[in-house]
Amino acid sequence: MTVDTIITSPLLSPCLQTANATLQQSLTLIDFLSSNASNPTTTELQTKVAHHQKLLQAYLSKLRHQTRKAAYTARTTKAETAETRKQVDALLLQLQNLYYEQRHLLGEIAACEDYNHAFRELPLIEPDEYLEYFPEHADMTEEEIMPRRIEYEAEERRRMEGERSELVKVKERLVQENARRKEEIKKVDERLEGWIDGLGSLEQELKKELE
């Protein structure tokens, strides 16, 4: 596996290409100097060496520029990556909080659904019977109808309690009236008994006179 296959970043690929070109130019210059080491120094030789050195300096200058640019971009990317990581960590924390809140709410909902509410024991009017009295509520859901059934039951109980209170008052009046009449009958009985006793005494006196 070569370096070219390992480094695939668009940012580093130009640096790698320039580095390879710089290496090849360095090797070319070394080979040229080696092959001409035994030759006398001439103006033509110096010109060729200067040409090779100029190309090498150009590659080195380009490589330094690309390296600085890559390093600056890498620092910027690193800072952006760190900031993005912070944002991702914050989002993950929010997500975990949402999951926790979701589990809590699901638990509360399950507890509410399993709770033995008192209204379940109330002898409420049946939904079908309720809708017979209030057909305008036929399009409502069971959750919307339930509080209206409870309110209807409360109103009916208040009405029935009012009727019961009136009947209790009537009963009390009747009891009082009955007691009063019993007292009057008792007095009448006592007077009748007195009259009967008086008639008995009168009958005895009449019998004595007739004898």
N, C-alpha and C. Protein backbone atom coordinates (compact mmCIF):
# COMPACT_ATOMS: atom_id res chain seq x y z
N MET A 1 0.86 -1.19 0.00
CA MET A 1 0.00 0.00 0.00
C MET A 1 0.89 1.24 0.00
N THR A 2 0.73 2.08 -1.02
CA THR A 2 1.55 3.28 -1.16
C THR A 2 0.93 4.45 -0.44
N VAL A 3 1.73 5.52 -0.33
CA VAL A 3 1.23 6.73 0.33
C VAL A 3 0.07 7.31 -0.44
N ASP A 4 0.10 7.21 -1.76
CA ASP A 4 -0.97 7.78 -2.60
C ASP A 4 -2.32 7.13 -2.30
N THR A 5 -2.27 5.83 -1.98
CA THR A 5 -3.53 5.14 -1.67
C THR A 5 -4.00 5.40 -0.24
N ILE A 6 -3.06 5.76 0.66
CA ILE A 6 -3.42 6.02 2.04
C ILE A 6 -3.99 7.42 2.20
N ILE A 7 -3.31 8.42 1.60
CA ILE A 7 -3.75 9.82 1.72
C ILE A 7 -4.66 10.15 0.56
N THR A 8 -5.92 10.35 0.87
CA THR A 8 -6.92 10.66 -0.18
C THR A 8 -7.58 12.01 0.06
N SER A 9 -7.14 12.75 1.07
CA SER A 9 -7.76 14.03 1.39
C SER A 9 -7.47 15.05 0.29
N PRO A 10 -8.49 15.78 -0.18
CA PRO A 10 -8.25 16.82 -1.19
C PRO A 10 -7.31 17.90 -0.69
N LEU A 11 -7.23 18.06 0.63
CA LEU A 11 -6.36 19.08 1.20
C LEU A 11 -4.89 18.65 1.15
N LEU A 12 -4.62 17.36 1.36
CA LEU A 12 -3.24 16.87 1.44
C LEU A 12 -2.71 16.33 0.12
N SER A 13 -3.59 15.98 -0.80
CA SER A 13 -3.13 15.42 -2.08
C SER A 13 -2.22 16.37 -2.85
N PRO A 14 -2.54 17.68 -2.98
CA PRO A 14 -1.60 18.59 -3.67
C PRO A 14 -0.23 18.65 -2.99
N CYS A 15 -0.22 18.64 -1.64
CA CYS A 15 1.06 18.65 -0.93
C CYS A 15 1.87 17.40 -1.26
N LEU A 16 1.19 16.26 -1.32
CA LEU A 16 1.87 15.00 -1.63
C LEU A 16 2.42 15.02 -3.05
N GLN A 17 1.64 15.55 -3.98
CA GLN A 17 2.11 15.62 -5.37
C GLN A 17 3.32 16.54 -5.49
N THR A 18 3.25 17.69 -4.81
CA THR A 18 4.38 18.63 -4.85
C THR A 18 5.60 18.04 -4.17
N ALA A 19 5.38 17.32 -3.06
CA ALA A 19 6.51 16.67 -2.36
C ALA A 19 7.17 15.64 -3.26
N ASN A 20 6.36 14.87 -4.00
CA ASN A 20 6.93 13.88 -4.94
C ASN A 20 7.71 14.58 -6.05
N ALA A 21 7.14 15.69 -6.55
CA ALA A 21 7.85 16.42 -7.61
C ALA A 21 9.15 17.00 -7.07
N THR A 22 9.13 17.50 -5.82
CA THR A 22 10.34 18.06 -5.21
C THR A 22 11.40 16.96 -5.02
N LEU A 23 10.92 15.78 -4.59
CA LEU A 23 11.86 14.66 -4.43
C LEU A 23 12.48 14.26 -5.76
N GLN A 24 11.65 14.17 -6.78
CA GLN A 24 12.18 13.80 -8.09
C GLN A 24 13.17 14.84 -8.62
N GLN A 25 12.85 16.12 -8.36
CA GLN A 25 13.78 17.18 -8.81
C GLN A 25 15.08 17.12 -8.03
N SER A 26 15.00 16.80 -6.75
CA SER A 26 16.22 16.65 -5.94
C SER A 26 17.07 15.50 -6.45
N LEU A 27 16.40 14.37 -6.73
CA LEU A 27 17.14 13.21 -7.26
C LEU A 27 17.73 13.53 -8.63
N THR A 28 16.99 14.27 -9.43
CA THR A 28 17.50 14.65 -10.76
C THR A 28 18.76 15.51 -10.64
N LEU A 29 18.69 16.48 -9.67
CA LEU A 29 19.85 17.35 -9.46
C LEU A 29 21.05 16.55 -8.94
N ILE A 30 20.81 15.63 -8.03
CA ILE A 30 21.90 14.81 -7.50
C ILE A 30 22.51 13.95 -8.60
N ASP A 31 21.62 13.34 -9.41
CA ASP A 31 22.14 12.50 -10.51
C ASP A 31 22.95 13.34 -11.49
N PHE A 32 22.46 14.54 -11.77
CA PHE A 32 23.17 15.41 -12.72
C PHE A 32 24.54 15.80 -12.17
N LEU A 33 24.56 16.15 -10.86
CA LEU A 33 25.85 16.51 -10.26
C LEU A 33 26.79 15.32 -10.21
N SER A 34 26.25 14.14 -9.93
CA SER A 34 27.09 12.95 -9.86
C SER A 34 27.67 12.60 -11.23
N SER A 35 26.84 12.71 -12.26
CA SER A 35 27.29 12.35 -13.61
C SER A 35 28.30 13.36 -14.17
N ASN A 36 28.30 14.57 -13.63
CA ASN A 36 29.21 15.61 -14.14
C ASN A 36 30.27 16.00 -13.12
N ALA A 37 30.45 15.15 -12.12
CA ALA A 37 31.44 15.49 -11.08
C ALA A 37 32.86 15.52 -11.61
N SER A 38 33.14 14.65 -12.59
CA SER A 38 34.52 14.59 -13.12
C SER A 38 34.74 15.55 -14.28
N ASN A 39 33.70 16.19 -14.75
CA ASN A 39 33.83 17.11 -15.87
C ASN A 39 34.28 18.48 -15.37
N PRO A 40 35.00 19.19 -16.21
CA PRO A 40 35.41 20.55 -15.80
C PRO A 40 34.21 21.48 -15.72
N THR A 41 34.33 22.41 -14.79
CA THR A 41 33.22 23.36 -14.59
C THR A 41 33.20 24.35 -15.73
N THR A 42 32.10 24.38 -16.44
CA THR A 42 31.94 25.29 -17.56
C THR A 42 30.70 26.14 -17.32
N THR A 43 30.59 27.17 -18.16
CA THR A 43 29.42 28.06 -18.05
C THR A 43 28.15 27.29 -18.34
N GLU A 44 28.22 26.41 -19.31
CA GLU A 44 27.03 25.61 -19.67
C GLU A 44 26.63 24.71 -18.51
N LEU A 45 27.64 24.11 -17.86
CA LEU A 45 27.34 23.22 -16.72
C LEU A 45 26.72 24.01 -15.57
N GLN A 46 27.30 25.17 -15.30
CA GLN A 46 26.76 26.02 -14.22
C GLN A 46 25.32 26.45 -14.53
N THR A 47 25.09 26.74 -15.83
CA THR A 47 23.73 27.15 -16.22
C THR A 47 22.74 26.02 -15.99
N LYS A 48 23.13 24.79 -16.34
CA LYS A 48 22.22 23.65 -16.13
C LYS A 48 21.99 23.38 -14.65
N VAL A 49 23.06 23.48 -13.85
CA VAL A 49 22.92 23.28 -12.41
C VAL A 49 22.00 24.34 -11.81
N ALA A 50 22.20 25.60 -12.28
CA ALA A 50 21.34 26.69 -11.78
C ALA A 50 19.89 26.47 -12.16
N HIS A 51 19.69 25.91 -13.38
CA HIS A 51 18.32 25.63 -13.82
C HIS A 51 17.68 24.57 -12.92
N HIS A 52 18.44 23.50 -12.63
CA HIS A 52 17.91 22.45 -11.76
C HIS A 52 17.65 22.98 -10.34
N GLN A 53 18.57 23.83 -9.83
CA GLN A 53 18.39 24.41 -8.51
C GLN A 53 17.17 25.35 -8.47
N LYS A 54 16.98 26.09 -9.57
CA LYS A 54 15.83 27.00 -9.63
C LYS A 54 14.52 26.22 -9.59
N LEU A 55 14.49 25.09 -10.34
CA LEU A 55 13.28 24.25 -10.30
C LEU A 55 13.05 23.69 -8.90
N LEU A 56 14.17 23.26 -8.25
CA LEU A 56 14.04 22.71 -6.91
C LEU A 56 13.53 23.76 -5.93
N GLN A 57 14.07 24.99 -6.03
CA GLN A 57 13.60 26.07 -5.15
C GLN A 57 12.13 26.40 -5.39
N ALA A 58 11.75 26.32 -6.66
CA ALA A 58 10.33 26.59 -6.98
C ALA A 58 9.44 25.53 -6.35
N TYR A 59 9.87 24.27 -6.48
CA TYR A 59 9.07 23.18 -5.85
C TYR A 59 9.02 23.33 -4.32
N LEU A 60 10.21 23.68 -3.76
CA LEU A 60 10.25 23.84 -2.30
C LEU A 60 9.37 24.99 -1.85
N SER A 61 9.39 26.11 -2.59
CA SER A 61 8.54 27.26 -2.24
C SER A 61 7.06 26.89 -2.34
N LYS A 62 6.73 26.19 -3.43
CA LYS A 62 5.34 25.75 -3.59
C LYS A 62 4.93 24.79 -2.48
N LEU A 63 5.87 23.88 -2.12
CA LEU A 63 5.57 22.90 -1.06
C LEU A 63 5.36 23.61 0.28
N ARG A 64 6.24 24.63 0.58
CA ARG A 64 6.06 25.36 1.85
C ARG A 64 4.71 26.10 1.87
N HIS A 65 4.35 26.69 0.74
CA HIS A 65 3.05 27.41 0.67
C HIS A 65 1.89 26.44 0.88
N GLN A 66 1.96 25.31 0.18
CA GLN A 66 0.87 24.33 0.33
C GLN A 66 0.83 23.76 1.75
N THR A 67 2.01 23.56 2.35
CA THR A 67 2.06 23.03 3.71
C THR A 67 1.46 24.01 4.72
N ARG A 68 1.84 25.32 4.57
CA ARG A 68 1.25 26.32 5.46
C ARG A 68 -0.27 26.40 5.29
N LYS A 69 -0.69 26.36 4.03
CA LYS A 69 -2.14 26.42 3.76
C LYS A 69 -2.86 25.20 4.36
N ALA A 70 -2.25 24.02 4.20
CA ALA A 70 -2.86 22.80 4.74
C ALA A 70 -2.89 22.85 6.27
N ALA A 71 -1.77 23.36 6.87
CA ALA A 71 -1.74 23.44 8.34
C ALA A 71 -2.80 24.42 8.85
N TYR A 72 -2.91 25.58 8.18
CA TYR A 72 -3.92 26.56 8.60
C TYR A 72 -5.34 25.98 8.44
N THR A 73 -5.56 25.35 7.29
CA THR A 73 -6.88 24.74 7.06
C THR A 73 -7.16 23.64 8.08
N ALA A 74 -6.10 22.87 8.42
CA ALA A 74 -6.28 21.79 9.39
C ALA A 74 -6.64 22.35 10.76
N ARG A 75 -5.96 23.46 11.16
CA ARG A 75 -6.30 24.08 12.45
C ARG A 75 -7.73 24.61 12.44
N THR A 76 -8.12 25.25 11.32
CA THR A 76 -9.49 25.76 11.22
C THR A 76 -10.50 24.62 11.27
N THR A 77 -10.19 23.55 10.50
CA THR A 77 -11.08 22.39 10.50
C THR A 77 -11.16 21.74 11.87
N LYS A 78 -10.01 21.69 12.56
CA LYS A 78 -9.99 21.11 13.91
C LYS A 78 -10.87 21.92 14.86
N ALA A 79 -10.76 23.28 14.75
CA ALA A 79 -11.58 24.13 15.61
C ALA A 79 -13.07 23.96 15.28
N GLU A 80 -13.36 23.91 13.97
CA GLU A 80 -14.75 23.72 13.57
C GLU A 80 -15.27 22.36 14.02
N THR A 81 -14.39 21.34 13.93
CA THR A 81 -14.78 20.00 14.37
C THR A 81 -15.06 19.98 15.87
N ALA A 82 -14.19 20.68 16.63
CA ALA A 82 -14.40 20.73 18.08
C ALA A 82 -15.72 21.43 18.41
N GLU A 83 -16.01 22.53 17.70
CA GLU A 83 -17.26 23.25 17.94
C GLU A 83 -18.46 22.39 17.55
N THR A 84 -18.33 21.71 16.41
CA THR A 84 -19.41 20.82 15.97
C THR A 84 -19.61 19.68 16.96
N ARG A 85 -18.49 19.17 17.51
CA ARG A 85 -18.59 18.09 18.50
C ARG A 85 -19.32 18.58 19.74
N LYS A 86 -19.02 19.82 20.16
CA LYS A 86 -19.74 20.38 21.31
C LYS A 86 -21.25 20.44 21.03
N GLN A 87 -21.58 20.90 19.81
CA GLN A 87 -23.00 20.98 19.45
C GLN A 87 -23.64 19.59 19.42
N VAL A 88 -22.91 18.62 18.88
CA VAL A 88 -23.44 17.25 18.83
C VAL A 88 -23.61 16.69 20.24
N ASP A 89 -22.62 16.96 21.12
CA ASP A 89 -22.73 16.49 22.50
C ASP A 89 -23.93 17.13 23.19
N ALA A 90 -24.14 18.43 22.93
CA ALA A 90 -25.30 19.11 23.53
C ALA A 90 -26.59 18.51 23.01
N LEU A 91 -26.62 18.23 21.70
CA LEU A 91 -27.83 17.63 21.12
C LEU A 91 -28.06 16.23 21.67
N LEU A 92 -26.97 15.47 21.85
CA LEU A 92 -27.11 14.13 22.42
C LEU A 92 -27.64 14.20 23.85
N LEU A 93 -27.14 15.20 24.61
CA LEU A 93 -27.63 15.37 25.98
C LEU A 93 -29.12 15.73 25.98
N GLN A 94 -29.51 16.64 25.07
CA GLN A 94 -30.93 16.98 24.96
C GLN A 94 -31.76 15.76 24.57
N LEU A 95 -31.20 14.95 23.65
CA LEU A 95 -31.92 13.75 23.23
C LEU A 95 -32.08 12.78 24.39
N GLN A 96 -31.02 12.61 25.18
CA GLN A 96 -31.12 11.74 26.34
C GLN A 96 -32.16 12.26 27.34
N ASN A 97 -32.17 13.58 27.52
CA ASN A 97 -33.17 14.18 28.41
C ASN A 97 -34.58 13.95 27.88
N LEU A 98 -34.72 14.06 26.56
CA LEU A 98 -36.04 13.82 25.96
C LEU A 98 -36.46 12.36 26.14
N TYR A 99 -35.50 11.44 25.96
CA TYR A 99 -35.80 10.02 26.17
C TYR A 99 -36.22 9.78 27.62
N TYR A 100 -35.49 10.42 28.56
CA TYR A 100 -35.83 10.27 29.97
C TYR A 100 -37.22 10.83 30.26
N GLU A 101 -37.49 12.02 29.70
CA GLU A 101 -38.81 12.63 29.91
C GLU A 101 -39.90 11.78 29.27
N GLN A 102 -39.59 11.22 28.09
CA GLN A 102 -40.56 10.36 27.42
C GLN A 102 -40.89 9.14 28.27
N ARG A 103 -39.85 8.49 28.82
CA ARG A 103 -40.08 7.33 29.68
C ARG A 103 -40.89 7.72 30.92
N HIS A 104 -40.55 8.90 31.47
CA HIS A 104 -41.29 9.36 32.66
C HIS A 104 -42.76 9.60 32.33
N LEU A 105 -43.01 10.26 31.19
CA LEU A 105 -44.39 10.56 30.80
C LEU A 105 -45.15 9.27 30.47
N LEU A 106 -44.47 8.32 29.80
CA LEU A 106 -45.13 7.05 29.51
C LEU A 106 -45.49 6.32 30.80
N GLY A 107 -44.59 6.40 31.79
CA GLY A 107 -44.90 5.79 33.08
C GLY A 107 -46.08 6.47 33.76
N GLU A 108 -46.12 7.81 33.68
CA GLU A 108 -47.25 8.54 34.27
C GLU A 108 -48.56 8.20 33.56
N ILE A 109 -48.49 8.09 32.23
CA ILE A 109 -49.70 7.75 31.46
C ILE A 109 -50.19 6.36 31.84
N ALA A 110 -49.23 5.41 31.93
CA ALA A 110 -49.61 4.05 32.32
C ALA A 110 -50.22 4.02 33.72
N ALA A 111 -49.63 4.81 34.64
CA ALA A 111 -50.16 4.85 36.00
C ALA A 111 -51.57 5.44 36.01
N CYS A 112 -51.78 6.48 35.19
CA CYS A 112 -53.12 7.08 35.11
C CYS A 112 -54.12 6.10 34.50
N GLU A 113 -53.68 5.36 33.48
CA GLU A 113 -54.59 4.41 32.86
C GLU A 113 -54.94 3.27 33.80
N ASP A 114 -53.99 2.87 34.66
CA ASP A 114 -54.24 1.76 35.59
C ASP A 114 -54.89 2.23 36.89
N TYR A 115 -54.93 3.55 37.12
CA TYR A 115 -55.48 4.06 38.37
C TYR A 115 -56.98 3.79 38.44
N ASN A 116 -57.41 3.32 39.60
CA ASN A 116 -58.82 3.00 39.80
C ASN A 116 -59.57 4.28 40.15
N HIS A 117 -59.93 5.03 39.13
CA HIS A 117 -60.60 6.31 39.35
C HIS A 117 -61.98 6.08 39.97
N ALA A 118 -62.36 7.04 40.80
CA ALA A 118 -63.65 6.92 41.48
C ALA A 118 -64.81 6.98 40.49
N PHE A 119 -64.64 7.73 39.40
CA PHE A 119 -65.77 7.86 38.47
C PHE A 119 -66.12 6.54 37.79
N ARG A 120 -65.14 5.58 37.82
CA ARG A 120 -65.45 4.28 37.23
C ARG A 120 -66.49 3.53 38.05
N GLU A 121 -66.57 3.87 39.34
CA GLU A 121 -67.53 3.21 40.21
C GLU A 121 -68.88 3.94 40.25
N LEU A 122 -68.92 5.11 39.62
CA LEU A 122 -70.17 5.87 39.65
C LEU A 122 -71.24 5.18 38.79
N PRO A 123 -72.47 5.11 39.28
CA PRO A 123 -73.56 4.54 38.47
C PRO A 123 -74.05 5.54 37.44
N LEU A 124 -73.18 5.80 36.45
CA LEU A 124 -73.51 6.80 35.44
C LEU A 124 -74.52 6.25 34.44
N ILE A 125 -75.18 7.18 33.80
CA ILE A 125 -76.08 6.82 32.72
C ILE A 125 -75.25 6.23 31.57
N GLU A 126 -75.76 5.23 30.90
CA GLU A 126 -75.03 4.60 29.80
C GLU A 126 -74.87 5.58 28.63
N PRO A 127 -73.75 5.45 27.89
CA PRO A 127 -73.52 6.38 26.77
C PRO A 127 -74.67 6.41 25.77
N ASP A 128 -75.20 5.25 25.41
CA ASP A 128 -76.29 5.22 24.44
C ASP A 128 -77.52 5.95 24.98
N GLU A 129 -77.81 5.74 26.24
CA GLU A 129 -78.97 6.41 26.83
C GLU A 129 -78.73 7.91 26.92
N TYR A 130 -77.45 8.29 27.24
CA TYR A 130 -77.12 9.71 27.32
C TYR A 130 -77.32 10.38 25.97
N LEU A 131 -76.89 9.69 24.89
CA LEU A 131 -77.02 10.27 23.55
C LEU A 131 -78.47 10.35 23.11
N GLU A 132 -79.34 9.53 23.68
CA GLU A 132 -80.76 9.65 23.38
C GLU A 132 -81.31 10.97 23.92
N TYR A 133 -80.80 11.40 25.09
CA TYR A 133 -81.21 12.67 25.66
C TYR A 133 -80.51 13.85 24.99
N PHE A 134 -79.25 13.62 24.56
CA PHE A 134 -78.45 14.70 23.97
C PHE A 134 -77.87 14.24 22.63
N PRO A 135 -78.66 14.13 21.61
CA PRO A 135 -78.16 13.66 20.30
C PRO A 135 -77.15 14.61 19.67
N GLU A 136 -77.12 15.87 20.12
CA GLU A 136 -76.17 16.82 19.54
C GLU A 136 -74.73 16.48 19.93
N HIS A 137 -74.53 15.57 20.89
CA HIS A 137 -73.19 15.17 21.31
C HIS A 137 -72.75 13.87 20.64
N ALA A 138 -73.45 13.44 19.63
CA ALA A 138 -73.16 12.14 19.01
C ALA A 138 -71.79 12.10 18.35
N ASP A 139 -71.28 13.26 17.90
CA ASP A 139 -69.98 13.29 17.22
C ASP A 139 -68.81 13.39 18.19
N MET A 140 -69.06 13.49 19.47
CA MET A 140 -67.98 13.63 20.45
C MET A 140 -67.34 12.28 20.75
N THR A 141 -66.08 12.35 21.20
CA THR A 141 -65.38 11.13 21.61
C THR A 141 -65.82 10.72 23.02
N GLU A 142 -65.41 9.50 23.40
CA GLU A 142 -65.76 9.01 24.73
C GLU A 142 -65.17 9.90 25.82
N GLU A 143 -63.92 10.40 25.57
CA GLU A 143 -63.27 11.27 26.55
C GLU A 143 -64.01 12.60 26.69
N GLU A 144 -64.61 13.09 25.60
CA GLU A 144 -65.36 14.34 25.66
C GLU A 144 -66.73 14.14 26.29
N ILE A 145 -67.32 12.97 26.09
CA ILE A 145 -68.66 12.71 26.63
C ILE A 145 -68.60 12.41 28.12
N MET A 146 -67.50 11.78 28.59
CA MET A 146 -67.43 11.35 29.99
C MET A 146 -67.69 12.48 30.97
N PRO A 147 -67.01 13.65 30.88
CA PRO A 147 -67.30 14.71 31.86
C PRO A 147 -68.73 15.21 31.78
N ARG A 148 -69.33 15.16 30.59
CA ARG A 148 -70.73 15.58 30.46
C ARG A 148 -71.66 14.57 31.11
N ARG A 149 -71.31 13.28 31.02
CA ARG A 149 -72.11 12.26 31.72
C ARG A 149 -72.03 12.46 33.23
N ILE A 150 -70.80 12.77 33.71
CA ILE A 150 -70.63 12.99 35.15
C ILE A 150 -71.43 14.22 35.58
N GLU A 151 -71.37 15.30 34.78
CA GLU A 151 -72.12 16.51 35.12
C GLU A 151 -73.62 16.25 35.09
N TYR A 152 -74.05 15.47 34.11
CA TYR A 152 -75.47 15.12 34.03
C TYR A 152 -75.90 14.33 35.27
N GLU A 153 -75.03 13.37 35.67
CA GLU A 153 -75.33 12.59 36.86
C GLU A 153 -75.39 13.49 38.10
N ALA A 154 -74.46 14.46 38.18
CA ALA A 154 -74.46 15.38 39.33
C ALA A 154 -75.73 16.22 39.35
N GLU A 155 -76.14 16.71 38.16
CA GLU A 155 -77.38 17.50 38.11
C GLU A 155 -78.58 16.65 38.51
N GLU A 156 -78.63 15.40 38.03
CA GLU A 156 -79.73 14.52 38.39
C GLU A 156 -79.75 14.25 39.89
N ARG A 157 -78.58 14.08 40.47
CA ARG A 157 -78.52 13.82 41.91
C ARG A 157 -78.94 15.05 42.70
N ARG A 158 -78.53 16.23 42.20
CA ARG A 158 -78.97 17.45 42.88
C ARG A 158 -80.49 17.59 42.79
N ARG A 159 -81.02 17.28 41.62
CA ARG A 159 -82.48 17.36 41.45
C ARG A 159 -83.18 16.36 42.36
N MET A 160 -82.67 15.12 42.38
CA MET A 160 -83.28 14.09 43.21
C MET A 160 -83.12 14.42 44.70
N GLU A 161 -81.99 15.04 45.05
CA GLU A 161 -81.80 15.43 46.45
C GLU A 161 -82.80 16.51 46.83
N GLY A 162 -83.05 17.44 45.88
CA GLY A 162 -84.07 18.46 46.14
C GLY A 162 -85.44 17.84 46.33
N GLU A 163 -85.78 16.88 45.46
CA GLU A 163 -87.07 16.21 45.59
C GLU A 163 -87.13 15.43 46.91
N ARG A 164 -86.02 14.78 47.29
CA ARG A 164 -86.01 14.04 48.55
C ARG A 164 -86.22 14.97 49.73
N SER A 165 -85.54 16.15 49.66
CA SER A 165 -85.70 17.11 50.76
C SER A 165 -87.15 17.56 50.87
N GLU A 166 -87.79 17.81 49.71
CA GLU A 166 -89.20 18.21 49.74
C GLU A 166 -90.07 17.09 50.31
N LEU A 167 -89.78 15.85 49.90
CA LEU A 167 -90.56 14.73 50.44
C LEU A 167 -90.35 14.56 51.94
N VAL A 168 -89.13 14.81 52.40
CA VAL A 168 -88.88 14.73 53.84
C VAL A 168 -89.69 15.79 54.58
N LYS A 169 -89.75 16.99 53.99
CA LYS A 169 -90.55 18.04 54.61
C LYS A 169 -92.04 17.67 54.64
N VAL A 170 -92.51 17.09 53.50
CA VAL A 170 -93.90 16.66 53.45
C VAL A 170 -94.16 15.58 54.48
N LYS A 171 -93.20 14.64 54.59
CA LYS A 171 -93.35 13.56 55.56
C LYS A 171 -93.41 14.11 56.98
N GLU A 172 -92.55 15.09 57.27
CA GLU A 172 -92.54 15.68 58.60
C GLU A 172 -93.88 16.36 58.89
N ARG A 173 -94.41 17.07 57.89
CA ARG A 173 -95.70 17.73 58.08
C ARG A 173 -96.80 16.69 58.31
N LEU A 174 -96.74 15.59 57.52
CA LEU A 174 -97.75 14.54 57.69
C LEU A 174 -97.64 13.88 59.05
N VAL A 175 -96.39 13.66 59.51
CA VAL A 175 -96.19 13.05 60.83
C VAL A 175 -96.76 13.97 61.90
N GLN A 176 -96.46 15.26 61.77
CA GLN A 176 -96.98 16.21 62.74
C GLN A 176 -98.51 16.26 62.70
N GLU A 177 -99.04 16.28 61.47
CA GLU A 177 -100.50 16.31 61.33
C GLU A 177 -101.13 15.03 61.89
N ASN A 178 -100.48 13.91 61.62
CA ASN A 178 -100.97 12.64 62.15
C ASN A 178 -100.95 12.63 63.67
N ALA A 179 -99.85 13.14 64.24
CA ALA A 179 -99.76 13.20 65.71
C ALA A 179 -100.83 14.11 66.29
N ARG A 180 -101.05 15.25 65.60
CA ARG A 180 -102.09 16.17 66.09
C ARG A 180 -103.46 15.51 66.04
N ARG A 181 -103.73 14.82 64.96
CA ARG A 181 -105.04 14.18 64.83
C ARG A 181 -105.19 13.04 65.85
N LYS A 182 -104.08 12.31 66.07
CA LYS A 182 -104.14 11.26 67.10
C LYS A 182 -104.48 11.87 68.45
N GLU A 183 -103.87 13.03 68.74
CA GLU A 183 -104.15 13.68 70.01
C GLU A 183 -105.61 14.10 70.08
N GLU A 184 -106.12 14.62 68.94
CA GLU A 184 -107.53 15.02 68.93
C GLU A 184 -108.45 13.81 69.09
N ILE A 185 -108.13 12.72 68.42
CA ILE A 185 -108.94 11.49 68.55
C ILE A 185 -108.90 10.98 69.98
N LYS A 186 -107.72 11.08 70.58
CA LYS A 186 -107.59 10.62 71.96
C LYS A 186 -108.50 11.43 72.88
N LYS A 187 -108.51 12.74 72.65
CA LYS A 187 -109.37 13.60 73.48
C LYS A 187 -110.84 13.28 73.24
N VAL A 188 -111.18 13.02 71.94
CA VAL A 188 -112.57 12.66 71.63
C VAL A 188 -112.93 11.35 72.32
N ASP A 189 -112.01 10.38 72.27
CA ASP A 189 -112.26 9.11 72.94
C ASP A 189 -112.49 9.32 74.43
N GLU A 190 -111.65 10.18 75.02
CA GLU A 190 -111.80 10.43 76.46
C GLU A 190 -113.16 11.06 76.77
N ARG A 191 -113.60 12.01 75.92
CA ARG A 191 -114.91 12.62 76.14
C ARG A 191 -116.03 11.60 75.96
N LEU A 192 -115.88 10.74 74.92
CA LEU A 192 -116.90 9.71 74.70
C LEU A 192 -116.98 8.76 75.89
N GLU A 193 -115.81 8.38 76.40
CA GLU A 193 -115.81 7.50 77.56
C GLU A 193 -116.48 8.17 78.75
N GLY A 194 -116.25 9.48 78.88
CA GLY A 194 -116.90 10.21 79.95
C GLY A 194 -118.42 10.24 79.77
N TRP A 195 -118.80 10.45 78.51
CA TRP A 195 -120.24 10.46 78.24
C TRP A 195 -120.85 9.07 78.51
N ILE A 196 -120.14 8.06 78.06
CA ILE A 196 -120.65 6.70 78.27
C ILE A 196 -120.77 6.40 79.75
N ASP A 197 -119.75 6.79 80.53
CA ASP A 197 -119.80 6.57 81.97
C ASP A 197 -120.97 7.35 82.58
N GLY A 198 -121.18 8.55 82.09
CA GLY A 198 -122.30 9.35 82.60
C GLY A 198 -123.64 8.73 82.26
N LEU A 199 -123.75 8.20 81.05
CA LEU A 199 -125.00 7.52 80.65
C LEU A 199 -125.24 6.29 81.50
N GLY A 200 -124.17 5.60 81.89
CA GLY A 200 -124.33 4.42 82.74
C GLY A 200 -124.91 4.80 84.12
N SER A 201 -124.38 5.87 84.66
CA SER A 201 -124.87 6.33 85.96
C SER A 201 -126.32 6.78 85.85
N LEU A 202 -126.66 7.46 84.77
CA LEU A 202 -128.04 7.91 84.56
C LEU A 202 -128.98 6.73 84.41
N GLU A 203 -128.51 5.68 83.74
CA GLU A 203 -129.35 4.49 83.55
C GLU A 203 -129.63 3.83 84.90
N GLN A 204 -128.64 3.78 85.78
CA GLN A 204 -128.83 3.19 87.09
C GLN A 204 -129.84 4.00 87.93
N GLU A 205 -129.77 5.31 87.82
CA GLU A 205 -130.69 6.15 88.57
C GLU A 205 -132.12 5.98 88.05
N LEU A 206 -132.25 5.88 86.70
CA LEU A 206 -133.60 5.69 86.12
C LEU A 206 -134.17 4.36 86.57
N LYS A 207 -133.39 3.35 86.62
CA LYS A 207 -133.87 2.03 87.04
C LYS A 207 -134.37 2.09 88.49
N LYS A 208 -133.61 2.83 89.33
CA LYS A 208 -134.03 2.95 90.74
C LYS A 208 -135.34 3.68 90.87
N GLU A 209 -135.54 4.71 90.09
CA GLU A 209 -136.78 5.48 90.16
C GLU A 209 -137.95 4.65 89.66
N LEU A 210 -137.74 3.86 88.64
CA LEU A 210 -138.80 3.03 88.08
C LEU A 210 -139.17 1.91 89.03
N GLU A 211 -138.35 1.47 89.85
CA GLU A 211 -138.66 0.42 90.79
C GLU A 211 -139.51 1.01 91.92
